């Protein structure tokens, strides 16, 4: 996954997040086009791929996966649900530091 690439510059990291979010949105769109059995199969494959990623990445990206699970169940991903379930909507923009950016000791992503 692109989110595992090591990038030196903060701006490059933001561009990568934006592009990854575009791809995520496309995936969600195509999942919505599937019937229930096909969607469940696709979600199982997504979960299986996610499970074999490095632990540091899984820990950082887990809120997006939780958000996908909630959305796939048909439930709205409200602010309260995000807080209680640790789920997030994966957007490529923010007014603060993006939650996918890992803080380093020098303050650079």
PDB file of N, CA and C in Angstrom:
ATOM      1  N   UNK A   1       0.835  -1.175   0.000  1.00  0.00           N
ATOM      2  CA  UNK A   1       0.000   0.000   0.000  1.00  0.00           C
ATOM      3  C   UNK A   1       0.884   1.245   0.000  1.00  0.00           C
ATOM      4  N   UNK A   2       0.452   2.239  -0.716  1.00  0.00           N
ATOM      5  CA  UNK A   2       1.213   3.481  -0.818  1.00  0.00           C
ATOM      6  C   UNK A   2       1.435   4.143   0.534  1.00  0.00           C
ATOM      7  N   UNK A   3       0.524   3.969   1.471  1.00  0.00           N
ATOM      8  CA  UNK A   3       0.663   4.621   2.764  1.00  0.00           C
ATOM      9  C   UNK A   3       1.850   4.095   3.558  1.00  0.00           C
ATOM     10  N   UNK A   4       2.487   3.048   3.094  1.00  0.00           N
ATOM     11  CA  UNK A   4       3.649   2.498   3.779  1.00  0.00           C
ATOM     12  C   UNK A   4       4.967   3.019   3.221  1.00  0.00           C
ATOM     13  N   UNK A   5       4.894   3.818   2.174  1.00  0.00           N
ATOM     14  CA  UNK A   5       6.113   4.379   1.584  1.00  0.00           C
ATOM     15  C   UNK A   5       6.730   5.393   2.540  1.00  0.00           C
ATOM     16  N   UNK A   6       8.035   5.396   2.603  1.00  0.00           N
ATOM     17  CA  UNK A   6       8.762   6.376   3.411  1.00  0.00           C
ATOM     18  C   UNK A   6       9.000   7.616   2.552  1.00  0.00           C
ATOM     19  N   UNK A   7       8.443   8.721   2.970  1.00  0.00           N
ATOM     20  CA  UNK A   7       8.622   9.971   2.251  1.00  0.00           C
ATOM     21  C   UNK A   7       9.356  10.962   3.136  1.00  0.00           C
ATOM     22  N   UNK A   8      10.231  11.717   2.524  1.00  0.00           N
ATOM     23  CA  UNK A   8      11.080  12.631   3.283  1.00  0.00           C
ATOM     24  C   UNK A   8      10.369  13.951   3.601  1.00  0.00           C
ATOM     25  N   UNK A   9       9.515  14.399   2.700  1.00  0.00           N
ATOM     26  CA  UNK A   9       8.936  15.732   2.845  1.00  0.00           C
ATOM     27  C   UNK A   9       7.464  15.669   3.252  1.00  0.00           C
ATOM     28  N   UNK A  10       7.076  16.596   4.103  1.00  0.00           N
ATOM     29  CA  UNK A  10       5.716  16.687   4.616  1.00  0.00           C
ATOM     30  C   UNK A  10       4.716  16.843   3.468  1.00  0.00           C
ATOM     31  N   UNK A  11       4.999  17.736   2.524  1.00  0.00           N
ATOM     32  CA  UNK A  11       4.073  17.953   1.415  1.00  0.00           C
ATOM     33  C   UNK A  11       3.873  16.684   0.595  1.00  0.00           C
ATOM     34  N   UNK A  12       4.934  15.937   0.377  1.00  0.00           N
ATOM     35  CA  UNK A  12       4.821  14.674  -0.360  1.00  0.00           C
ATOM     36  C   UNK A  12       3.897  13.710   0.376  1.00  0.00           C
ATOM     37  N   UNK A  13       3.986  13.705   1.683  1.00  0.00           N
ATOM     38  CA  UNK A  13       3.118  12.844   2.489  1.00  0.00           C
ATOM     39  C   UNK A  13       1.661  13.252   2.341  1.00  0.00           C
ATOM     40  N   UNK A  14       1.408  14.551   2.327  1.00  0.00           N
ATOM     41  CA  UNK A  14       0.034  15.028   2.159  1.00  0.00           C
ATOM     42  C   UNK A  14      -0.518  14.662   0.788  1.00  0.00           C
ATOM     43  N   UNK A  15       0.299  14.790  -0.245  1.00  0.00           N
ATOM     44  CA  UNK A  15      -0.133  14.423  -1.597  1.00  0.00           C
ATOM     45  C   UNK A  15      -0.431  12.931  -1.658  1.00  0.00           C
ATOM     46  N   UNK A  16       0.409  12.125  -1.025  1.00  0.00           N
ATOM     47  CA  UNK A  16       0.181  10.680  -1.016  1.00  0.00           C
ATOM     48  C   UNK A  16      -1.138  10.353  -0.313  1.00  0.00           C
ATOM     49  N   UNK A  17      -1.405  10.995   0.810  1.00  0.00           N
ATOM     50  CA  UNK A  17      -2.664  10.753   1.522  1.00  0.00           C
ATOM     51  C   UNK A  17      -3.846  11.147   0.649  1.00  0.00           C
ATOM     52  N   UNK A  18      -3.746  12.291  -0.001  1.00  0.00           N
ATOM     53  CA  UNK A  18      -4.837  12.745  -0.881  1.00  0.00           C
ATOM     54  C   UNK A  18      -5.088  11.722  -1.989  1.00  0.00           C
ATOM     55  N   UNK A  19      -4.033  11.261  -2.638  1.00  0.00           N
ATOM     56  CA  UNK A  19      -4.191  10.299  -3.729  1.00  0.00           C
ATOM     57  C   UNK A  19      -4.714   8.955  -3.233  1.00  0.00           C
ATOM     58  N   UNK A  20      -4.267   8.541  -2.062  1.00  0.00           N
ATOM     59  CA  UNK A  20      -4.756   7.293  -1.491  1.00  0.00           C
ATOM     60  C   UNK A  20      -6.232   7.414  -1.138  1.00  0.00           C
ATOM     61  N   UNK A  21      -6.630   8.574  -0.637  1.00  0.00           N
ATOM     62  CA  UNK A  21      -8.037   8.797  -0.314  1.00  0.00           C
ATOM     63  C   UNK A  21      -8.913   8.758  -1.572  1.00  0.00           C
ATOM     64  N   UNK A  22      -8.392   9.280  -2.693  1.00  0.00           N
ATOM     65  CA  UNK A  22      -9.129   9.185  -3.956  1.00  0.00           C
ATOM     66  C   UNK A  22      -9.370   7.715  -4.309  1.00  0.00           C
ATOM     67  N   UNK A  23      -8.318   6.914  -4.197  1.00  0.00           N
ATOM     68  CA  UNK A  23      -8.436   5.482  -4.516  1.00  0.00           C
ATOM     69  C   UNK A  23      -9.411   4.797  -3.562  1.00  0.00           C
ATOM     70  N   UNK A  24      -9.347   5.176  -2.286  1.00  0.00           N
ATOM     71  CA  UNK A  24     -10.259   4.612  -1.275  1.00  0.00           C
ATOM     72  C   UNK A  24     -11.716   4.921  -1.639  1.00  0.00           C
ATOM     73  N   UNK A  25     -11.947   6.159  -2.038  1.00  0.00           N
ATOM     74  CA  UNK A  25     -13.306   6.568  -2.416  1.00  0.00           C
ATOM     75  C   UNK A  25     -13.796   5.765  -3.614  1.00  0.00           C
ATOM     76  N   UNK A  26     -12.913   5.526  -4.586  1.00  0.00           N
ATOM     77  CA  UNK A  26     -13.287   4.697  -5.734  1.00  0.00           C
ATOM     78  C   UNK A  26     -13.646   3.283  -5.284  1.00  0.00           C
ATOM     79  N   UNK A  27     -12.847   2.730  -4.356  1.00  0.00           N
ATOM     80  CA  UNK A  27     -13.121   1.389  -3.849  1.00  0.00           C
ATOM     81  C   UNK A  27     -14.498   1.347  -3.182  1.00  0.00           C
ATOM     82  N   UNK A  28     -14.803   2.343  -2.363  1.00  0.00           N
ATOM     83  CA  UNK A  28     -16.098   2.390  -1.680  1.00  0.00           C
ATOM     84  C   UNK A  28     -17.226   2.474  -2.705  1.00  0.00           C
ATOM     85  N   UNK A  29     -17.037   3.274  -3.743  1.00  0.00           N
ATOM     86  CA  UNK A  29     -18.041   3.380  -4.798  1.00  0.00           C
ATOM     87  C   UNK A  29     -18.294   2.015  -5.444  1.00  0.00           C
ATOM     88  N   UNK A  30     -17.225   1.315  -5.813  1.00  0.00           N
ATOM     89  CA  UNK A  30     -17.396   0.015  -6.465  1.00  0.00           C
ATOM     90  C   UNK A  30     -17.983  -1.025  -5.510  1.00  0.00           C
ATOM     91  N   UNK A  31     -17.633  -0.951  -4.238  1.00  0.00           N
ATOM     92  CA  UNK A  31     -18.251  -1.856  -3.265  1.00  0.00           C
ATOM     93  C   UNK A  31     -19.759  -1.631  -3.203  1.00  0.00           C
ATOM     94  N   UNK A  32     -20.173  -0.384  -3.290  1.00  0.00           N
ATOM     95  CA  UNK A  32     -21.597  -0.051  -3.231  1.00  0.00           C
ATOM     96  C   UNK A  32     -22.360  -0.583  -4.440  1.00  0.00           C
ATOM     97  N   UNK A  33     -21.668  -0.855  -5.514  1.00  0.00           N
ATOM     98  CA  UNK A  33     -22.308  -1.359  -6.733  1.00  0.00           C
ATOM     99  C   UNK A  33     -22.524  -2.878  -6.707  1.00  0.00           C
ATOM    100  N   UNK A  34     -21.924  -3.552  -5.723  1.00  0.00           N
ATOM    101  CA  UNK A  34     -21.997  -5.007  -5.658  1.00  0.00           C
ATOM    102  C   UNK A  34     -23.243  -5.471  -4.907  1.00  0.00           C
ATOM    103  N   UNK A  35     -23.675  -6.693  -5.214  1.00  0.00           N
ATOM    104  CA  UNK A  35     -24.749  -7.262  -4.392  1.00  0.00           C
ATOM    105  C   UNK A  35     -24.136  -7.710  -3.061  1.00  0.00           C
ATOM    106  N   UNK A  36     -24.963  -8.113  -2.133  1.00  0.00           N
ATOM    107  CA  UNK A  36     -24.503  -8.410  -0.769  1.00  0.00           C
ATOM    108  C   UNK A  36     -23.416  -9.494  -0.737  1.00  0.00           C
ATOM    109  N   UNK A  37     -23.609 -10.577  -1.471  1.00  0.00           N
ATOM    110  CA  UNK A  37     -22.627 -11.672  -1.457  1.00  0.00           C
ATOM    111  C   UNK A  37     -21.293 -11.223  -2.043  1.00  0.00           C
ATOM    112  N   UNK A  38     -21.353 -10.497  -3.150  1.00  0.00           N
ATOM    113  CA  UNK A  38     -20.121 -10.004  -3.771  1.00  0.00           C
ATOM    114  C   UNK A  38     -19.408  -9.010  -2.859  1.00  0.00           C
ATOM    115  N   UNK A  39     -20.186  -8.146  -2.212  1.00  0.00           N
ATOM    116  CA  UNK A  39     -19.578  -7.170  -1.319  1.00  0.00           C
ATOM    117  C   UNK A  39     -18.915  -7.867  -0.137  1.00  0.00           C
ATOM    118  N   UNK A  40     -19.563  -8.868   0.431  1.00  0.00           N
ATOM    119  CA  UNK A  40     -18.970  -9.593   1.548  1.00  0.00           C
ATOM    120  C   UNK A  40     -17.682 -10.291   1.128  1.00  0.00           C
ATOM    121  N   UNK A  41     -17.676 -10.867  -0.066  1.00  0.00           N
ATOM    122  CA  UNK A  41     -16.461 -11.511  -0.578  1.00  0.00           C
ATOM    123  C   UNK A  41     -15.346 -10.481  -0.737  1.00  0.00           C
ATOM    124  N   UNK A  42     -15.674  -9.324  -1.325  1.00  0.00           N
ATOM    125  CA  UNK A  42     -14.667  -8.270  -1.520  1.00  0.00           C
ATOM    126  C   UNK A  42     -14.145  -7.778  -0.172  1.00  0.00           C
ATOM    127  N   UNK A  43     -15.025  -7.588   0.794  1.00  0.00           N
ATOM    128  CA  UNK A  43     -14.601  -7.141   2.129  1.00  0.00           C
ATOM    129  C   UNK A  43     -13.698  -8.169   2.800  1.00  0.00           C
ATOM    130  N   UNK A  44     -14.003  -9.443   2.615  1.00  0.00           N
ATOM    131  CA  UNK A  44     -13.143 -10.501   3.171  1.00  0.00           C
ATOM    132  C   UNK A  44     -11.747 -10.425   2.565  1.00  0.00           C
ATOM    133  N   UNK A  45     -11.668 -10.170   1.265  1.00  0.00           N
ATOM    134  CA  UNK A  45     -10.372 -10.059   0.598  1.00  0.00           C
ATOM    135  C   UNK A  45      -9.617  -8.810   1.082  1.00  0.00           C
ATOM    136  N   UNK A  46     -10.340  -7.710   1.264  1.00  0.00           N
ATOM    137  CA  UNK A  46      -9.721  -6.480   1.777  1.00  0.00           C
ATOM    138  C   UNK A  46      -9.171  -6.738   3.169  1.00  0.00           C
ATOM    139  N   UNK A  47      -9.967  -7.373   4.021  1.00  0.00           N
ATOM    140  CA  UNK A  47      -9.541  -7.683   5.394  1.00  0.00           C
ATOM    141  C   UNK A  47      -8.337  -8.634   5.392  1.00  0.00           C
ATOM    142  N   UNK A  48      -8.343  -9.616   4.501  1.00  0.00           N
ATOM    143  CA  UNK A  48      -7.226 -10.566   4.431  1.00  0.00           C
ATOM    144  C   UNK A  48      -5.944  -9.847   4.010  1.00  0.00           C
ATOM    145  N   UNK A  49      -6.057  -8.954   3.049  1.00  0.00           N
ATOM    146  CA  UNK A  49      -4.881  -8.190   2.613  1.00  0.00           C
ATOM    147  C   UNK A  49      -4.388  -7.282   3.741  1.00  0.00           C
ATOM    148  N   UNK A  50      -5.312  -6.641   4.419  1.00  0.00           N
ATOM    149  CA  UNK A  50      -4.960  -5.758   5.531  1.00  0.00           C
ATOM    150  C   UNK A  50      -4.258  -6.544   6.641  1.00  0.00           C
ATOM    151  N   UNK A  51      -4.710  -7.750   6.908  1.00  0.00           N
ATOM    152  CA  UNK A  51      -4.168  -8.564   8.002  1.00  0.00           C
ATOM    153  C   UNK A  51      -2.698  -8.933   7.804  1.00  0.00           C
ATOM    154  N   UNK A  52      -2.223  -8.971   6.571  1.00  0.00           N
ATOM    155  CA  UNK A  52      -0.826  -9.368   6.330  1.00  0.00           C
ATOM    156  C   UNK A  52       0.122  -8.168   6.212  1.00  0.00           C
ATOM    157  N   UNK A  53      -0.403  -6.969   6.413  1.00  0.00           N
ATOM    158  CA  UNK A  53       0.445  -5.777   6.364  1.00  0.00           C
ATOM    159  C   UNK A  53       1.236  -5.657   7.669  1.00  0.00           C
ATOM    160  N   UNK A  54       2.315  -4.905   7.661  1.00  0.00           N
ATOM    161  CA  UNK A  54       3.103  -4.711   8.884  1.00  0.00           C
ATOM    162  C   UNK A  54       2.246  -4.116  10.018  1.00  0.00           C
ATOM    163  N   UNK A  55       2.548  -4.519  11.227  1.00  0.00           N
ATOM    164  CA  UNK A  55       1.752  -4.117  12.383  1.00  0.00           C
ATOM    165  C   UNK A  55       1.647  -2.599  12.542  1.00  0.00           C
ATOM    166  N   UNK A  56       2.739  -1.886  12.356  1.00  0.00           N
ATOM    167  CA  UNK A  56       2.707  -0.425  12.508  1.00  0.00           C
ATOM    168  C   UNK A  56       1.706   0.200  11.546  1.00  0.00           C
ATOM    169  N   UNK A  57       1.678  -0.301  10.315  1.00  0.00           N
ATOM    170  CA  UNK A  57       0.710   0.208   9.346  1.00  0.00           C
ATOM    171  C   UNK A  57      -0.704  -0.154   9.761  1.00  0.00           C
ATOM    172  N   UNK A  58      -0.930  -1.399  10.167  1.00  0.00           N
ATOM    173  CA  UNK A  58      -2.280  -1.818  10.576  1.00  0.00           C
ATOM    174  C   UNK A  58      -2.802  -0.969  11.728  1.00  0.00           C
ATOM    175  N   UNK A  59      -1.955  -0.688  12.688  1.00  0.00           N
ATOM    176  CA  UNK A  59      -2.383   0.128  13.827  1.00  0.00           C
ATOM    177  C   UNK A  59      -2.769   1.534  13.381  1.00  0.00           C
ATOM    178  N   UNK A  60      -2.004   2.107  12.459  1.00  0.00           N
ATOM    179  CA  UNK A  60      -2.274   3.461  12.000  1.00  0.00           C
ATOM    180  C   UNK A  60      -3.502   3.524  11.100  1.00  0.00           C
ATOM    181  N   UNK A  61      -3.714   2.518  10.256  1.00  0.00           N
ATOM    182  CA  UNK A  61      -4.789   2.535   9.269  1.00  0.00           C
ATOM    183  C   UNK A  61      -6.080   1.894   9.777  1.00  0.00           C
ATOM    184  N   UNK A  62      -6.043   1.256  10.940  1.00  0.00           N
ATOM    185  CA  UNK A  62      -7.214   0.556  11.470  1.00  0.00           C
ATOM    186  C   UNK A  62      -8.464   1.426  11.559  1.00  0.00           C
ATOM    187  N   UNK A  63      -8.394   2.698  11.936  1.00  0.00           N
ATOM    188  CA  UNK A  63      -9.623   3.499  11.967  1.00  0.00           C
ATOM    189  C   UNK A  63     -10.343   3.563  10.616  1.00  0.00           C
ATOM    190  N   UNK A  64      -9.601   3.603   9.519  1.00  0.00           N
ATOM    191  CA  UNK A  64     -10.224   3.617   8.191  1.00  0.00           C
ATOM    192  C   UNK A  64     -10.899   2.288   7.906  1.00  0.00           C
ATOM    193  N   UNK A  65     -10.255   1.188   8.282  1.00  0.00           N
ATOM    194  CA  UNK A  65     -10.844  -0.137   8.084  1.00  0.00           C
ATOM    195  C   UNK A  65     -12.113  -0.273   8.932  1.00  0.00           C
ATOM    196  N   UNK A  66     -12.066   0.203  10.160  1.00  0.00           N
ATOM    197  CA  UNK A  66     -13.268   0.179  11.009  1.00  0.00           C
ATOM    198  C   UNK A  66     -14.388   1.007  10.388  1.00  0.00           C
ATOM    199  N   UNK A  67     -14.037   2.154   9.834  1.00  0.00           N
ATOM    200  CA  UNK A  67     -15.030   2.983   9.159  1.00  0.00           C
ATOM    201  C   UNK A  67     -15.639   2.271   7.970  1.00  0.00           C
ATOM    202  N   UNK A  68     -14.819   1.547   7.221  1.00  0.00           N
ATOM    203  CA  UNK A  68     -15.318   0.771   6.091  1.00  0.00           C
ATOM    204  C   UNK A  68     -16.277  -0.311   6.567  1.00  0.00           C
ATOM    205  N   UNK A  69     -15.938  -0.970   7.666  1.00  0.00           N
ATOM    206  CA  UNK A  69     -16.823  -2.006   8.218  1.00  0.00           C
ATOM    207  C   UNK A  69     -18.186  -1.428   8.583  1.00  0.00           C
ATOM    208  N   UNK A  70     -18.179  -0.266   9.241  1.00  0.00           N
ATOM    209  CA  UNK A  70     -19.438   0.376   9.630  1.00  0.00           C
ATOM    210  C   UNK A  70     -20.242   0.734   8.384  1.00  0.00           C
ATOM    211  N   UNK A  71     -19.597   1.369   7.421  1.00  0.00           N
ATOM    212  CA  UNK A  71     -20.288   1.765   6.195  1.00  0.00           C
ATOM    213  C   UNK A  71     -20.844   0.554   5.458  1.00  0.00           C
ATOM    214  N   UNK A  72     -20.068  -0.520   5.397  1.00  0.00           N
ATOM    215  CA  UNK A  72     -20.515  -1.728   4.693  1.00  0.00           C
ATOM    216  C   UNK A  72     -21.708  -2.382   5.396  1.00  0.00           C
ATOM    217  N   UNK A  73     -21.832  -2.159   6.697  1.00  0.00           N
ATOM    218  CA  UNK A  73     -22.975  -2.718   7.435  1.00  0.00           C
ATOM    219  C   UNK A  73     -24.253  -1.938   7.168  1.00  0.00           C
ATOM    220  N   UNK A  74     -24.099  -0.774   6.530  1.00  0.00           N
ATOM    221  CA  UNK A  74     -25.268   0.049   6.230  1.00  0.00           C
ATOM    222  C   UNK A  74     -25.562   1.084   7.304  1.00  0.00           C
ATOM    223  N   UNK A  75     -24.792   1.078   8.374  1.00  0.00           N
ATOM    224  CA  UNK A  75     -24.999   2.043   9.453  1.00  0.00           C
ATOM    225  C   UNK A  75     -24.296   3.355   9.104  1.00  0.00           C
ATOM    226  N   UNK A  76     -24.875   4.474   9.527  1.00  0.00           N
ATOM    227  CA  UNK A  76     -24.196   5.752   9.277  1.00  0.00           C
ATOM    228  C   UNK A  76     -22.961   5.888  10.163  1.00  0.00           C
ATOM    229  N   UNK A  77     -21.926   6.469   9.622  1.00  0.00           N
ATOM    230  CA  UNK A  77     -20.686   6.661  10.375  1.00  0.00           C
ATOM    231  C   UNK A  77     -20.737   8.042  11.028  1.00  0.00           C
ATOM    232  N   UNK A  78     -21.550   8.136  12.068  1.00  0.00           N
ATOM    233  CA  UNK A  78     -21.751   9.403  12.774  1.00  0.00           C
ATOM    234  C   UNK A  78     -20.538   9.725  13.638  1.00  0.00           C
ATOM    235  N   UNK A  79     -20.491  10.946  14.115  1.00  0.00           N
ATOM    236  CA  UNK A  79     -19.413  11.345  15.015  1.00  0.00           C
ATOM    237  C   UNK A  79     -19.377  10.504  16.268  1.00  0.00           C
ATOM    238  N   UNK A  80     -20.556  10.192  16.813  1.00  0.00           N
ATOM    239  CA  UNK A  80     -20.623   9.362  18.021  1.00  0.00           C
ATOM    240  C   UNK A  80     -20.102   7.955  17.747  1.00  0.00           C
ATOM    241  N   UNK A  81     -20.454   7.411  16.610  1.00  0.00           N
ATOM    242  CA  UNK A  81     -19.979   6.059  16.267  1.00  0.00           C
ATOM    243  C   UNK A  81     -18.475   6.074  16.024  1.00  0.00           C
ATOM    244  N   UNK A  82     -17.984   7.125  15.403  1.00  0.00           N
ATOM    245  CA  UNK A  82     -16.544   7.230  15.192  1.00  0.00           C
ATOM    246  C   UNK A  82     -15.819   7.232  16.529  1.00  0.00           C
ATOM    247  N   UNK A  83     -16.343   7.985  17.482  1.00  0.00           N
ATOM    248  CA  UNK A  83     -15.705   8.076  18.797  1.00  0.00           C
ATOM    249  C   UNK A  83     -15.794   6.756  19.557  1.00  0.00           C
ATOM    250  N   UNK A  84     -16.958   6.119  19.525  1.00  0.00           N
ATOM    251  CA  UNK A  84     -17.146   4.904  20.324  1.00  0.00           C
ATOM    252  C   UNK A  84     -16.467   3.679  19.713  1.00  0.00           C
ATOM    253  N   UNK A  85     -16.366   3.622  18.402  1.00  0.00           N
ATOM    254  CA  UNK A  85     -15.822   2.433  17.739  1.00  0.00           C
ATOM    255  C   UNK A  85     -14.412   2.648  17.193  1.00  0.00           C
ATOM    256  N   UNK A  86     -13.882   3.835  17.342  1.00  0.00           N
ATOM    257  CA  UNK A  86     -12.548   4.111  16.809  1.00  0.00           C
ATOM    258  C   UNK A  86     -12.513   4.071  15.294  1.00  0.00           C
ATOM    259  N   UNK A  87     -13.648   4.358  14.672  1.00  0.00           N
ATOM    260  CA  UNK A  87     -13.753   4.345  13.218  1.00  0.00           C
ATOM    261  C   UNK A  87     -13.560   5.751  12.681  1.00  0.00           C
ATOM    262  N   UNK A  88     -13.100   5.836  11.447  1.00  0.00           N
ATOM    263  CA  UNK A  88     -12.915   7.139  10.805  1.00  0.00           C
ATOM    264  C   UNK A  88     -13.347   7.071   9.350  1.00  0.00           C
ATOM    265  N   UNK A  89     -13.810   8.197   8.880  1.00  0.00           N
ATOM    266  CA  UNK A  89     -14.009   8.382   7.449  1.00  0.00           C
ATOM    267  C   UNK A  89     -12.632   8.740   6.896  1.00  0.00           C
ATOM    268  N   UNK A  90     -12.212   8.070   5.854  1.00  0.00           N
ATOM    269  CA  UNK A  90     -10.894   8.339   5.276  1.00  0.00           C
ATOM    270  C   UNK A  90     -11.023   9.441   4.230  1.00  0.00           C
ATOM    271  N   UNK A  91     -10.680  10.641   4.636  1.00  0.00           N
ATOM    272  CA  UNK A  91     -10.653  11.787   3.740  1.00  0.00           C
ATOM    273  C   UNK A  91      -9.207  12.151   3.436  1.00  0.00           C
ATOM    274  N   UNK A  92      -8.991  12.770   2.303  1.00  0.00           N
ATOM    275  CA  UNK A  92      -7.645  13.162   1.923  1.00  0.00           C
ATOM    276  C   UNK A  92      -7.286  14.569   2.342  1.00  0.00           C
ATOM    277  N   UNK A  93      -8.138  15.203   3.106  1.00  0.00           N
ATOM    278  CA  UNK A  93      -7.862  16.570   3.523  1.00  0.00           C
ATOM    279  C   UNK A  93      -8.239  16.729   4.994  1.00  0.00           C
ATOM    280  N   UNK A  94      -7.715  17.763   5.597  1.00  0.00           N
ATOM    281  CA  UNK A  94      -8.019  18.085   6.988  1.00  0.00           C
ATOM    282  C   UNK A  94      -7.582  19.520   7.256  1.00  0.00           C
ATOM    283  N   UNK A  95      -8.100  20.101   8.300  1.00  0.00           N
ATOM    284  CA  UNK A  95      -7.662  21.445   8.694  1.00  0.00           C
ATOM    285  C   UNK A  95      -6.573  21.363   9.750  1.00  0.00           C
ATOM    286  N   UNK A  96      -6.299  20.152  10.228  1.00  0.00           N
ATOM    287  CA  UNK A  96      -5.248  19.906  11.218  1.00  0.00           C
ATOM    288  C   UNK A  96      -4.293  18.865  10.641  1.00  0.00           C
ATOM    289  N   UNK A  97      -3.344  18.428  11.434  1.00  0.00           N
ATOM    290  CA  UNK A  97      -2.435  17.364  10.988  1.00  0.00           C
ATOM    291  C   UNK A  97      -3.264  16.112  10.698  1.00  0.00           C
ATOM    292  N   UNK A  98      -3.051  15.508   9.539  1.00  0.00           N
ATOM    293  CA  UNK A  98      -3.835  14.332   9.157  1.00  0.00           C
ATOM    294  C   UNK A  98      -3.539  13.179  10.107  1.00  0.00           C
ATOM    295  N   UNK A  99      -4.581  12.470  10.485  1.00  0.00           N
ATOM    296  CA  UNK A  99      -4.447  11.385  11.465  1.00  0.00           C
ATOM    297  C   UNK A  99      -3.594  10.235  10.956  1.00  0.00           C
ATOM    298  N   UNK A 100      -3.387  10.121   9.661  1.00  0.00           N
ATOM    299  CA  UNK A 100      -2.534   9.048   9.147  1.00  0.00           C
ATOM    300  C   UNK A 100      -1.052   9.373   9.216  1.00  0.00           C
ATOM    301  N   UNK A 101      -0.729  10.626   9.408  1.00  0.00           N
ATOM    302  CA  UNK A 101       0.683  11.000   9.485  1.00  0.00           C
ATOM    303  C   UNK A 101       1.240  10.632  10.845  1.00  0.00           C
ATOM    304  N   UNK A 102       2.285   9.859  10.803  1.00  0.00           N
ATOM    305  CA  UNK A 102       2.944   9.422  12.030  1.00  0.00           C
ATOM    306  C   UNK A 102       3.879  10.525  12.501  1.00  0.00           C
ATOM    307  N   UNK A 103       3.746  10.914  13.742  1.00  0.00           N
ATOM    308  CA  UNK A 103       4.657  11.909  14.295  1.00  0.00           C
ATOM    309  C   UNK A 103       6.019  11.298  14.540  1.00  0.00           C
ATOM    310  N   UNK A 104       7.043  12.026  14.181  1.00  0.00           N
ATOM    311  CA  UNK A 104       8.406  11.613  14.464  1.00  0.00           C
ATOM    312  C   UNK A 104       9.009  12.621  15.431  1.00  0.00           C
ATOM    313  N   UNK A 105      10.136  12.290  15.973  1.00  0.00           N
ATOM    314  CA  UNK A 105      10.746  13.153  16.983  1.00  0.00           C
ATOM    315  C   UNK A 105      11.099  14.523  16.447  1.00  0.00           C
ATOM    316  N   UNK A 106      11.364  14.650  15.161  1.00  0.00           N
ATOM    317  CA  UNK A 106      11.706  15.955  14.608  1.00  0.00           C
ATOM    318  C   UNK A 106      10.479  16.707  14.118  1.00  0.00           C
ATOM    319  N   UNK A 107       9.282  16.129  14.308  1.00  0.00           N
ATOM    320  CA  UNK A 107       8.040  16.798  13.948  1.00  0.00           C
ATOM    321  C   UNK A 107       7.673  16.690  12.476  1.00  0.00           C
ATOM    322  N   UNK A 108       8.455  15.940  11.709  1.00  0.00           N
ATOM    323  CA  UNK A 108       8.180  15.760  10.279  1.00  0.00           C
ATOM    324  C   UNK A 108       7.601  14.374  10.079  1.00  0.00           C
ATOM    325  N   UNK A 109       6.668  14.281   9.152  1.00  0.00           N
ATOM    326  CA  UNK A 109       6.038  12.987   8.884  1.00  0.00           C
ATOM    327  C   UNK A 109       7.024  12.021   8.290  1.00  0.00           C
TER     328      UNK A 109
END
